[in-house]
Amino acid sequence: MAKKLILKKLTILATTEKSGNQFTFGNGINLITSSKNSVGKSSLIKSILSSFGAEPFYDKRWRDLQCNYLIEFCIADKNYQIARLKNEYYLSNDNNKFYYDNFKDFSKKISELLNFNPILKTRGDDYIYDIAPPAYYFISFYIDQIKGWGKAFASLDKLGHYERWHHPILEYHVGYTNSNIMNYKLKISEYKKLNHSAESKKEKVLDSISLVKELLTDKINALENEIPKDNSISIDTS
């Protein structure tokens, strides 16, 4: 099962307006309320998701702010921070600091921290499987106020990289499967990929051998046809 994630503090900086805000979360259940609409309740939730690399649906006004995020959180009594600047991520704890400009490397590290590792099949490739990015850690518990009501699991953007991901994600969240099973599935997928690669190389080698044989046969036939024939020489066997 995935580990429990406890949010501590979120800082949002809007680069275009040169403004920002900071929100501190309590240790228990946090309820975000307001007597008015359009004051940022949904944007606050989306900002949390964005901090971990998910892609919520923002309106144009928010996108134009070009926000950067700093999220402070706790996993298994250890404190961490993630800073997201566009597509760059900085992860730190009490002892270490990490920088990621490759999202797959960042996802792998977050999955390791959360013990969240369901295996998903890459779209269009039968032999490549990845550990699910952080967005799939949240997708079962978040409903977008516009996109989320019309279709299940449609509350986050850019989830189309993987095929048929709904079942493995749900099975993982409800405890039907676990990390050990997923590790075995990942190993199996890696061996299948290696086997497929070996078969592909084998076919190329066999094709090359066939081509060489064909070329050699043609060369042999050509040389045999060039052998001079002297009909003036006869052999008397009587």
Protein backbone atom coordinates (compact mmCIF):
# COMPACT_ATOMS: atom_id res chain seq x y z
CA MET A 1 0.00 0.00 0.00
CA ALA A 2 1.04 3.59 -0.59
CA LYS A 3 2.35 5.54 2.38
CA LYS A 4 0.39 8.32 4.03
CA LEU A 5 1.14 11.81 2.77
CA ILE A 6 0.62 14.72 5.19
CA LEU A 7 0.64 18.25 3.77
CA LYS A 8 2.27 20.97 5.87
CA LYS A 9 2.53 24.19 3.88
CA LEU A 10 2.02 25.45 0.32
CA THR A 11 3.59 28.59 -1.15
CA ILE A 12 2.38 29.95 -4.50
CA LEU A 13 4.29 32.63 -6.42
CA ALA A 14 2.76 34.28 -9.47
CA THR A 15 5.66 35.42 -11.64
CA THR A 16 3.72 37.73 -13.95
CA GLU A 17 2.03 39.65 -11.12
CA LYS A 18 5.00 39.35 -8.74
CA SER A 19 2.62 38.30 -5.99
CA GLY A 20 2.07 35.21 -3.89
CA ASN A 21 0.32 33.50 -1.03
CA GLN A 22 1.07 30.91 1.58
CA PHE A 23 -1.20 28.33 3.18
CA THR A 24 -0.48 26.27 6.30
CA PHE A 25 -2.33 22.99 6.85
CA GLY A 26 -3.27 21.43 10.16
CA ASN A 27 -2.39 17.89 11.22
CA GLY A 28 -5.97 16.67 10.98
CA ILE A 29 -8.64 17.14 8.31
CA ASN A 30 -8.46 20.51 6.56
CA LEU A 31 -11.72 22.01 5.29
CA ILE A 32 -11.42 24.83 2.74
CA THR A 33 -14.53 27.04 2.74
CA SER A 34 -15.66 30.50 1.68
CA SER A 35 -18.95 32.34 1.54
CA LYS A 36 -18.02 33.61 -1.93
CA ASN A 37 -17.34 32.00 -5.28
CA SER A 38 -14.24 32.48 -7.44
CA VAL A 39 -11.91 33.24 -4.55
CA GLY A 40 -9.45 30.42 -5.24
CA LYS A 41 -10.64 27.33 -3.34
CA SER A 42 -10.32 25.07 -6.40
CA SER A 43 -7.07 26.74 -7.46
CA LEU A 44 -5.59 25.98 -4.04
CA ILE A 45 -6.34 22.27 -4.45
CA LYS A 46 -5.03 22.30 -8.01
CA SER A 47 -1.85 24.00 -6.85
CA ILE A 48 -1.20 21.14 -4.43
CA LEU A 49 -1.56 18.68 -7.30
CA SER A 50 0.66 20.77 -9.57
CA SER A 51 3.38 20.79 -6.92
CA PHE A 52 3.67 17.02 -7.25
CA GLY A 53 3.79 17.09 -11.05
CA ALA A 54 0.12 16.53 -11.85
CA GLU A 55 -1.57 18.64 -14.53
CA PRO A 56 -4.96 19.99 -13.39
CA PHE A 57 -7.23 21.99 -15.68
CA TYR A 58 -6.67 25.70 -15.02
CA ASP A 59 -8.59 28.56 -16.56
CA LYS A 60 -6.76 31.05 -18.77
CA ARG A 61 -6.49 33.69 -16.04
CA TRP A 62 -4.61 31.30 -13.76
CA ARG A 63 -2.39 29.99 -16.56
CA ASP A 64 -1.40 33.56 -17.40
CA LEU A 65 -0.09 34.01 -13.85
CA GLN A 66 2.69 31.45 -14.58
CA CYS A 67 2.80 30.23 -10.99
CA ASN A 68 5.64 28.46 -9.25
CA TYR A 69 5.01 26.22 -6.25
CA LEU A 70 6.68 25.15 -3.04
CA ILE A 71 5.01 22.33 -1.10
CA GLU A 72 6.13 21.10 2.32
CA PHE A 73 4.95 17.67 3.41
CA CYS A 74 5.65 14.68 5.60
CA ILE A 75 5.92 10.97 4.76
CA ALA A 76 6.62 8.40 7.50
CA ASP A 77 7.66 11.13 9.97
CA LYS A 78 10.19 12.59 7.52
CA ASN A 79 9.83 16.14 6.22
CA TYR A 80 10.26 17.00 2.55
CA GLN A 81 9.94 19.97 0.22
CA ILE A 82 9.21 20.11 -3.50
CA ALA A 83 9.70 23.28 -5.52
CA ARG A 84 8.24 23.28 -9.03
CA LEU A 85 9.34 25.90 -11.53
CA LYS A 86 7.55 25.12 -14.80
CA ASN A 87 8.99 21.69 -15.72
CA GLU A 88 11.86 21.71 -13.24
CA TYR A 89 11.62 20.11 -9.82
CA TYR A 90 13.68 20.49 -6.65
CA LEU A 91 13.24 17.89 -3.91
CA SER A 92 14.85 18.25 -0.51
CA ASN A 93 14.71 16.80 2.99
CA ASP A 94 16.79 17.31 6.10
CA ASN A 95 19.88 15.69 4.58
CA ASN A 96 19.67 15.73 0.79
CA LYS A 97 18.77 17.93 -2.15
CA PHE A 98 17.85 16.72 -5.63
CA TYR A 99 17.25 18.52 -8.92
CA TYR A 100 15.21 17.04 -11.78
CA ASP A 101 14.65 18.36 -15.27
CA ASN A 102 13.55 14.90 -16.42
CA PHE A 103 9.99 14.23 -15.26
CA LYS A 104 10.37 10.46 -15.38
CA ASP A 105 13.28 10.61 -12.93
CA PHE A 106 11.28 12.88 -10.63
CA SER A 107 8.26 10.55 -10.81
CA LYS A 108 10.41 7.56 -9.93
CA LYS A 109 11.74 9.30 -6.83
CA ILE A 110 8.29 10.41 -5.62
CA SER A 111 6.90 6.91 -6.21
CA GLU A 112 9.75 5.54 -4.12
CA LEU A 113 8.99 7.95 -1.25
CA LEU A 114 5.27 7.16 -1.33
CA ASN A 115 5.76 3.43 -1.90
CA PHE A 116 3.37 3.96 -4.81
CA ASN A 117 4.39 1.78 -7.74
CA PRO A 118 1.52 0.45 -9.84
CA ILE A 119 2.78 -0.59 -13.28
CA LEU A 120 1.19 0.98 -16.35
CA LYS A 121 1.54 -0.01 -20.01
CA THR A 122 2.86 2.68 -22.34
CA ARG A 123 0.42 3.48 -25.12
CA GLY A 124 1.34 1.96 -28.47
CA ASP A 125 4.11 -0.31 -27.15
CA ASP A 126 3.46 -3.83 -25.88
CA TYR A 127 6.83 -4.15 -24.17
CA ILE A 128 7.31 -0.88 -22.24
CA TYR A 129 5.83 -0.47 -18.76
CA ASP A 130 6.42 2.40 -16.33
CA ILE A 131 5.80 3.02 -12.66
CA ALA A 132 2.79 5.34 -12.46
CA PRO A 133 3.62 9.06 -12.08
CA PRO A 134 2.37 10.97 -8.99
CA ALA A 135 -0.81 12.16 -10.75
CA TYR A 136 -2.18 8.62 -10.45
CA TYR A 137 -1.62 8.74 -6.69
CA PHE A 138 -4.22 11.56 -6.53
CA ILE A 139 -6.59 10.77 -9.40
CA SER A 140 -8.88 8.48 -7.39
CA PHE A 141 -9.47 11.16 -4.75
CA TYR A 142 -9.89 14.32 -6.78
CA ILE A 143 -12.91 15.50 -8.79
CA ASP A 144 -12.56 18.64 -10.89
CA GLN A 145 -15.61 20.87 -10.50
CA ILE A 146 -16.03 21.13 -14.29
CA LYS A 147 -14.30 18.17 -15.95
CA GLY A 148 -14.80 15.60 -13.22
CA TRP A 149 -18.56 15.22 -13.24
CA GLY A 150 -19.02 14.27 -16.89
CA LYS A 151 -16.60 11.34 -17.00
CA ALA A 152 -14.85 9.23 -14.38
CA PHE A 153 -11.12 9.85 -13.88
CA ALA A 154 -11.17 12.88 -16.18
CA SER A 155 -10.18 15.46 -13.56
CA LEU A 156 -6.50 15.67 -14.52
CA ASP A 157 -4.93 16.40 -17.87
CA LYS A 158 -2.18 14.50 -19.73
CA LEU A 159 -3.07 11.00 -18.56
CA GLY A 160 -3.21 9.55 -22.07
CA HIS A 161 0.37 8.29 -22.12
CA TYR A 162 -0.72 4.94 -20.70
CA GLU A 163 -3.28 2.40 -21.91
CA ARG A 164 -6.06 0.93 -19.76
CA TRP A 165 -4.66 2.43 -16.56
CA HIS A 166 -7.95 2.65 -14.62
CA HIS A 167 -8.06 -0.95 -13.36
CA PRO A 168 -4.44 -1.24 -12.12
CA ILE A 169 -4.71 2.12 -10.35
CA LEU A 170 -7.98 1.24 -8.62
CA GLU A 171 -6.70 -2.23 -7.69
CA TYR A 172 -3.64 -0.67 -6.12
CA HIS A 173 -5.57 1.95 -4.15
CA VAL A 174 -8.07 -0.54 -2.69
CA GLY A 175 -5.36 -3.02 -1.75
CA TYR A 176 -6.27 -5.71 -4.29
CA THR A 177 -2.64 -5.61 -5.42
CA ASN A 178 0.51 -4.33 -3.73
CA SER A 179 4.13 -3.32 -4.22
CA ASN A 180 5.47 -6.88 -4.24
CA ILE A 181 3.09 -7.93 -7.01
CA MET A 182 3.89 -4.78 -8.98
CA ASN A 183 7.62 -5.40 -8.66
CA TYR A 184 7.14 -8.88 -10.10
CA LYS A 185 5.06 -7.46 -12.96
CA LEU A 186 7.75 -4.88 -13.67
CA LYS A 187 10.41 -7.59 -13.77
CA ILE A 188 8.26 -9.69 -16.10
CA SER A 189 7.77 -6.70 -18.40
CA GLU A 190 11.52 -6.05 -18.41
CA TYR A 191 12.26 -9.69 -19.35
CA LYS A 192 9.58 -9.58 -22.06
CA LYS A 193 11.17 -6.45 -23.45
CA LEU A 194 14.61 -8.10 -23.43
CA ASN A 195 13.19 -11.20 -25.10
CA HIS A 196 11.48 -9.08 -27.75
CA SER A 197 14.73 -7.19 -28.35
CA ALA A 198 16.64 -10.48 -28.66
CA GLU A 199 14.09 -11.86 -31.12
CA SER A 200 14.30 -8.68 -33.16
CA LYS A 201 18.10 -8.89 -33.28
CA LYS A 202 17.87 -12.58 -34.16
CA GLU A 203 15.62 -11.78 -37.13
CA LYS A 204 18.08 -9.14 -38.32
CA VAL A 205 20.98 -11.60 -38.07
CA LEU A 206 19.04 -14.28 -39.96
CA ASP A 207 18.12 -11.77 -42.64
CA SER A 208 21.78 -10.77 -42.93
CA ILE A 209 22.89 -14.42 -43.21
CA SER A 210 20.26 -15.05 -45.88
CA LEU A 211 21.44 -12.00 -47.82
CA VAL A 212 25.09 -13.07 -47.57
CA LYS A 213 24.22 -16.58 -48.78
CA GLU A 214 22.31 -15.13 -51.71
CA LEU A 215 25.20 -12.85 -52.65
CA LEU A 216 27.74 -15.66 -52.35
CA THR A 217 25.59 -17.99 -54.46
CA ASP A 218 25.33 -15.36 -57.18
CA LYS A 219 29.10 -14.80 -57.02
CA ILE A 220 29.85 -18.52 -57.24
CA ASN A 221 27.55 -18.92 -60.21
CA ALA A 222 29.14 -15.94 -61.94
CA LEU A 223 32.67 -17.33 -61.39
CA GLU A 224 31.68 -20.79 -62.66
CA ASN A 225 30.31 -19.21 -65.81
CA GLU A 226 33.65 -17.44 -66.34
CA ILE A 227 35.69 -20.68 -66.36
CA PRO A 228 37.06 -21.10 -69.91
CA LYS A 229 35.94 -24.20 -71.75
CA ASP A 230 38.51 -25.81 -74.19
CA ASN A 231 36.66 -28.24 -76.45
CA SER A 232 39.91 -29.17 -78.35
CA ILE A 233 41.01 -31.35 -75.48
CA SER A 234 39.56 -34.85 -75.47
CA ILE A 235 40.11 -37.82 -73.27
CA ASP A 236 40.24 -41.29 -74.77
CA THR A 237 38.96 -43.86 -72.35
CA SER A 238 39.17 -46.87 -74.67
